């Protein structure tokens, strides 16, 4: 039931965030033929996911984190959506859509008017999901070696 799920802004360095990202990175590594290396976490990246630049949202069912999404900003009107993940038992609840809606609402409150994201050809469900939500494919905007699709959305 989705009514008992609460989406909250959370410190990107919190233990709940680490729980979500550990599961996310493990799933991504298993999906990619050569694994996945998220690279080091640095203070600047964490700061970019905190207000007033960005946000890190976690979906909780009770006290259990079951999904997340990050908004990484730089103070401009453009930000990047990162790390959308939903725990496997919660995947039939529409939580990914709720998290994407929540991150868009949060972006607007921060004065962000355009979002971008990237994903991999090894994640065809993610590619289809972003298309279904109305994200438009765009040209490459970063040097992410794992990305094959780039999307953007005007808010």
C-alpha atoms as a PDB file:
ATOM      1  CA  UNK A   1       0.000   0.000   0.000  1.00  0.00           C
ATOM      2  CA  UNK A   2       1.445   3.379  -0.998  1.00  0.00           C
ATOM      3  CA  UNK A   3      -0.375   5.449   1.624  1.00  0.00           C
ATOM      4  CA  UNK A   4       2.085   4.326   4.293  1.00  0.00           C
ATOM      5  CA  UNK A   5       5.082   5.485   2.228  1.00  0.00           C
ATOM      6  CA  UNK A   6       6.603   8.812   3.156  1.00  0.00           C
ATOM      7  CA  UNK A   7       9.078  10.646   0.887  1.00  0.00           C
ATOM      8  CA  UNK A   8      11.464  12.873   2.831  1.00  0.00           C
ATOM      9  CA  UNK A   9      14.457  15.036   2.083  1.00  0.00           C
ATOM     10  CA  UNK A  10      17.477  13.406   3.679  1.00  0.00           C
ATOM     11  CA  UNK A  11      21.148  14.172   4.203  1.00  0.00           C
ATOM     12  CA  UNK A  12      23.021  12.556   1.276  1.00  0.00           C
ATOM     13  CA  UNK A  13      25.664  11.361   3.780  1.00  0.00           C
ATOM     14  CA  UNK A  14      23.122   9.654   6.093  1.00  0.00           C
ATOM     15  CA  UNK A  15      23.047   5.954   6.909  1.00  0.00           C
ATOM     16  CA  UNK A  16      19.659   5.642   5.148  1.00  0.00           C
ATOM     17  CA  UNK A  17      21.198   7.118   1.997  1.00  0.00           C
ATOM     18  CA  UNK A  18      24.110   4.685   2.225  1.00  0.00           C
ATOM     19  CA  UNK A  19      21.644   1.794   2.599  1.00  0.00           C
ATOM     20  CA  UNK A  20      19.798   2.826  -0.561  1.00  0.00           C
ATOM     21  CA  UNK A  21      22.915   3.530  -2.600  1.00  0.00           C
ATOM     22  CA  UNK A  22      24.607   0.277  -1.595  1.00  0.00           C
ATOM     23  CA  UNK A  23      21.606  -1.659  -2.921  1.00  0.00           C
ATOM     24  CA  UNK A  24      21.391   0.579  -6.017  1.00  0.00           C
ATOM     25  CA  UNK A  25      25.087   0.149  -6.880  1.00  0.00           C
ATOM     26  CA  UNK A  26      24.880  -3.627  -6.400  1.00  0.00           C
ATOM     27  CA  UNK A  27      21.939  -3.856  -8.823  1.00  0.00           C
ATOM     28  CA  UNK A  28      23.664  -1.633 -11.366  1.00  0.00           C
ATOM     29  CA  UNK A  29      26.894  -3.639 -11.142  1.00  0.00           C
ATOM     30  CA  UNK A  30      24.957  -6.857 -11.759  1.00  0.00           C
ATOM     31  CA  UNK A  31      23.158  -5.356 -14.782  1.00  0.00           C
ATOM     32  CA  UNK A  32      26.285  -4.095 -16.528  1.00  0.00           C
ATOM     33  CA  UNK A  33      28.466  -6.647 -18.363  1.00  0.00           C
ATOM     34  CA  UNK A  34      31.681  -5.245 -16.882  1.00  0.00           C
ATOM     35  CA  UNK A  35      30.316  -4.196 -13.501  1.00  0.00           C
ATOM     36  CA  UNK A  36      29.975  -0.656 -12.223  1.00  0.00           C
ATOM     37  CA  UNK A  37      32.287   1.633 -10.303  1.00  0.00           C
ATOM     38  CA  UNK A  38      30.438   4.627  -8.810  1.00  0.00           C
ATOM     39  CA  UNK A  39      33.740   6.377  -8.112  1.00  0.00           C
ATOM     40  CA  UNK A  40      34.612   8.198  -4.937  1.00  0.00           C
ATOM     41  CA  UNK A  41      32.149  10.322  -3.007  1.00  0.00           C
ATOM     42  CA  UNK A  42      33.449  13.828  -2.509  1.00  0.00           C
ATOM     43  CA  UNK A  43      32.294  16.771  -0.449  1.00  0.00           C
ATOM     44  CA  UNK A  44      31.397  18.850  -3.506  1.00  0.00           C
ATOM     45  CA  UNK A  45      29.087  16.137  -4.853  1.00  0.00           C
ATOM     46  CA  UNK A  46      27.366  15.783  -1.473  1.00  0.00           C
ATOM     47  CA  UNK A  47      26.955  19.568  -1.233  1.00  0.00           C
ATOM     48  CA  UNK A  48      25.397  19.626  -4.712  1.00  0.00           C
ATOM     49  CA  UNK A  49      22.702  17.260  -3.367  1.00  0.00           C
ATOM     50  CA  UNK A  50      21.792  19.531  -0.443  1.00  0.00           C
ATOM     51  CA  UNK A  51      19.653  22.668  -0.396  1.00  0.00           C
ATOM     52  CA  UNK A  52      19.914  25.247  -1.782  1.00  0.00           C
ATOM     53  CA  UNK A  53      21.665  23.502  -4.698  1.00  0.00           C
ATOM     54  CA  UNK A  54      19.891  20.161  -4.767  1.00  0.00           C
ATOM     55  CA  UNK A  55      18.219  17.482  -2.702  1.00  0.00           C
ATOM     56  CA  UNK A  56      18.339  13.822  -1.761  1.00  0.00           C
ATOM     57  CA  UNK A  57      14.938  12.199  -1.332  1.00  0.00           C
ATOM     58  CA  UNK A  58      14.265   8.861   0.322  1.00  0.00           C
ATOM     59  CA  UNK A  59      11.010   6.941   0.360  1.00  0.00           C
ATOM     60  CA  UNK A  60      10.375   5.270   3.691  1.00  0.00           C
ATOM     61  CA  UNK A  61       7.892   2.589   4.582  1.00  0.00           C
ATOM     62  CA  UNK A  62       7.797   2.996   8.326  1.00  0.00           C
ATOM     63  CA  UNK A  63      11.457   3.378   9.234  1.00  0.00           C
ATOM     64  CA  UNK A  64      12.698   1.287   6.306  1.00  0.00           C
ATOM     65  CA  UNK A  65      14.195   3.147   3.306  1.00  0.00           C
ATOM     66  CA  UNK A  66      12.715   1.596   0.158  1.00  0.00           C
ATOM     67  CA  UNK A  67      13.646   4.055  -2.575  1.00  0.00           C
ATOM     68  CA  UNK A  68      15.626   7.157  -3.383  1.00  0.00           C
ATOM     69  CA  UNK A  69      16.429   9.804  -5.941  1.00  0.00           C
ATOM     70  CA  UNK A  70      19.013  12.585  -5.970  1.00  0.00           C
ATOM     71  CA  UNK A  71      18.877  16.074  -7.426  1.00  0.00           C
ATOM     72  CA  UNK A  72      22.348  17.470  -8.056  1.00  0.00           C
ATOM     73  CA  UNK A  73      22.459  21.199  -8.722  1.00  0.00           C
ATOM     74  CA  UNK A  74      25.046  23.914  -9.163  1.00  0.00           C
ATOM     75  CA  UNK A  75      23.044  27.021  -8.339  1.00  0.00           C
ATOM     76  CA  UNK A  76      21.834  27.564 -11.894  1.00  0.00           C
ATOM     77  CA  UNK A  77      18.392  26.797 -13.293  1.00  0.00           C
ATOM     78  CA  UNK A  78      19.634  23.369 -14.461  1.00  0.00           C
ATOM     79  CA  UNK A  79      20.092  20.266 -12.284  1.00  0.00           C
ATOM     80  CA  UNK A  80      20.707  16.567 -12.819  1.00  0.00           C
ATOM     81  CA  UNK A  81      18.532  13.738 -11.525  1.00  0.00           C
ATOM     82  CA  UNK A  82      20.647  10.844 -10.247  1.00  0.00           C
ATOM     83  CA  UNK A  83      20.355   7.506  -8.476  1.00  0.00           C
ATOM     84  CA  UNK A  84      16.671   6.690  -8.891  1.00  0.00           C
ATOM     85  CA  UNK A  85      16.205   3.371  -7.106  1.00  0.00           C
ATOM     86  CA  UNK A  86      13.294   1.404  -5.670  1.00  0.00           C
ATOM     87  CA  UNK A  87      13.694  -1.743  -3.556  1.00  0.00           C
ATOM     88  CA  UNK A  88      12.494  -4.828  -5.450  1.00  0.00           C
ATOM     89  CA  UNK A  89       9.542  -5.581  -3.106  1.00  0.00           C
ATOM     90  CA  UNK A  90       8.230  -2.025  -3.644  1.00  0.00           C
ATOM     91  CA  UNK A  91       8.458  -1.990  -7.439  1.00  0.00           C
ATOM     92  CA  UNK A  92       4.795  -2.669  -8.075  1.00  0.00           C
ATOM     93  CA  UNK A  93       3.655   0.362  -6.043  1.00  0.00           C
ATOM     94  CA  UNK A  94       4.329   3.166  -8.544  1.00  0.00           C
ATOM     95  CA  UNK A  95       7.061   4.465  -6.266  1.00  0.00           C
ATOM     96  CA  UNK A  96       9.502   5.365  -9.048  1.00  0.00           C
ATOM     97  CA  UNK A  97       6.862   7.654 -10.540  1.00  0.00           C
ATOM     98  CA  UNK A  98       6.184   9.182  -7.115  1.00  0.00           C
ATOM     99  CA  UNK A  99       9.895   9.771  -6.536  1.00  0.00           C
ATOM    100  CA  UNK A 100      10.292  11.431  -9.945  1.00  0.00           C
ATOM    101  CA  UNK A 101       7.292  13.651  -9.256  1.00  0.00           C
ATOM    102  CA  UNK A 102       8.686  14.547  -5.827  1.00  0.00           C
ATOM    103  CA  UNK A 103      12.107  15.424  -7.228  1.00  0.00           C
ATOM    104  CA  UNK A 104      10.498  17.669  -9.863  1.00  0.00           C
ATOM    105  CA  UNK A 105       8.452  19.461  -7.205  1.00  0.00           C
ATOM    106  CA  UNK A 106      11.565  19.898  -5.063  1.00  0.00           C
ATOM    107  CA  UNK A 107      13.502  21.218  -8.057  1.00  0.00           C
ATOM    108  CA  UNK A 108      10.848  23.857  -8.702  1.00  0.00           C
ATOM    109  CA  UNK A 109      11.026  25.028  -5.076  1.00  0.00           C
ATOM    110  CA  UNK A 110      14.781  25.494  -5.546  1.00  0.00           C
ATOM    111  CA  UNK A 111      14.250  27.636  -8.674  1.00  0.00           C
ATOM    112  CA  UNK A 112      15.350  24.914 -11.072  1.00  0.00           C
ATOM    113  CA  UNK A 113      13.540  25.028 -14.407  1.00  0.00           C
ATOM    114  CA  UNK A 114      15.315  22.308 -16.402  1.00  0.00           C
ATOM    115  CA  UNK A 115      16.345  18.793 -15.453  1.00  0.00           C
ATOM    116  CA  UNK A 116      18.608  16.308 -17.149  1.00  0.00           C
ATOM    117  CA  UNK A 117      19.569  12.701 -16.535  1.00  0.00           C
ATOM    118  CA  UNK A 118      21.466   9.882 -18.149  1.00  0.00           C
ATOM    119  CA  UNK A 119      21.003   6.126 -18.212  1.00  0.00           C
ATOM    120  CA  UNK A 120      22.434   3.029 -19.824  1.00  0.00           C
ATOM    121  CA  UNK A 121      21.340   0.759 -22.647  1.00  0.00           C
ATOM    122  CA  UNK A 122      21.815  -2.042 -20.100  1.00  0.00           C
ATOM    123  CA  UNK A 123      18.791  -0.657 -18.229  1.00  0.00           C
ATOM    124  CA  UNK A 124      16.062  -0.835 -20.882  1.00  0.00           C
ATOM    125  CA  UNK A 125      13.284  -0.547 -18.289  1.00  0.00           C
ATOM    126  CA  UNK A 126      14.777   2.760 -17.132  1.00  0.00           C
ATOM    127  CA  UNK A 127      14.979   4.063 -20.705  1.00  0.00           C
ATOM    128  CA  UNK A 128      11.332   3.117 -21.300  1.00  0.00           C
ATOM    129  CA  UNK A 129      10.294   4.597 -17.935  1.00  0.00           C
ATOM    130  CA  UNK A 130      11.798   8.029 -18.673  1.00  0.00           C
ATOM    131  CA  UNK A 131      10.240   8.064 -22.120  1.00  0.00           C
ATOM    132  CA  UNK A 132       6.862   7.111 -20.615  1.00  0.00           C
ATOM    133  CA  UNK A 133       7.149  10.011 -18.152  1.00  0.00           C
ATOM    134  CA  UNK A 134       7.631  12.408 -21.066  1.00  0.00           C
ATOM    135  CA  UNK A 135      11.357  13.052 -20.790  1.00  0.00           C
ATOM    136  CA  UNK A 136      12.887  14.008 -24.145  1.00  0.00           C
ATOM    137  CA  UNK A 137      16.060  12.382 -25.386  1.00  0.00           C
ATOM    138  CA  UNK A 138      18.823  14.880 -25.929  1.00  0.00           C
ATOM    139  CA  UNK A 139      22.482  14.985 -26.894  1.00  0.00           C
ATOM    140  CA  UNK A 140      25.270  13.782 -24.631  1.00  0.00           C
ATOM    141  CA  UNK A 141      25.884  16.303 -21.855  1.00  0.00           C
ATOM    142  CA  UNK A 142      28.515  14.491 -19.795  1.00  0.00           C
ATOM    143  CA  UNK A 143      31.362  12.016 -20.040  1.00  0.00           C
ATOM    144  CA  UNK A 144      29.744   9.240 -17.992  1.00  0.00           C
ATOM    145  CA  UNK A 145      31.278   6.053 -19.442  1.00  0.00           C
ATOM    146  CA  UNK A 146      28.196   4.020 -18.460  1.00  0.00           C
ATOM    147  CA  UNK A 147      25.640   6.288 -20.157  1.00  0.00           C
ATOM    148  CA  UNK A 148      24.147   5.671 -23.581  1.00  0.00           C
ATOM    149  CA  UNK A 149      20.958   7.751 -23.309  1.00  0.00           C
ATOM    150  CA  UNK A 150      20.578  11.358 -22.177  1.00  0.00           C
ATOM    151  CA  UNK A 151      17.262  12.969 -21.317  1.00  0.00           C
ATOM    152  CA  UNK A 152      15.975  16.395 -20.353  1.00  0.00           C
ATOM    153  CA  UNK A 153      12.770  17.910 -19.071  1.00  0.00           C
ATOM    154  CA  UNK A 154      11.558  21.472 -18.817  1.00  0.00           C
ATOM    155  CA  UNK A 155       9.676  22.203 -15.605  1.00  0.00           C
END
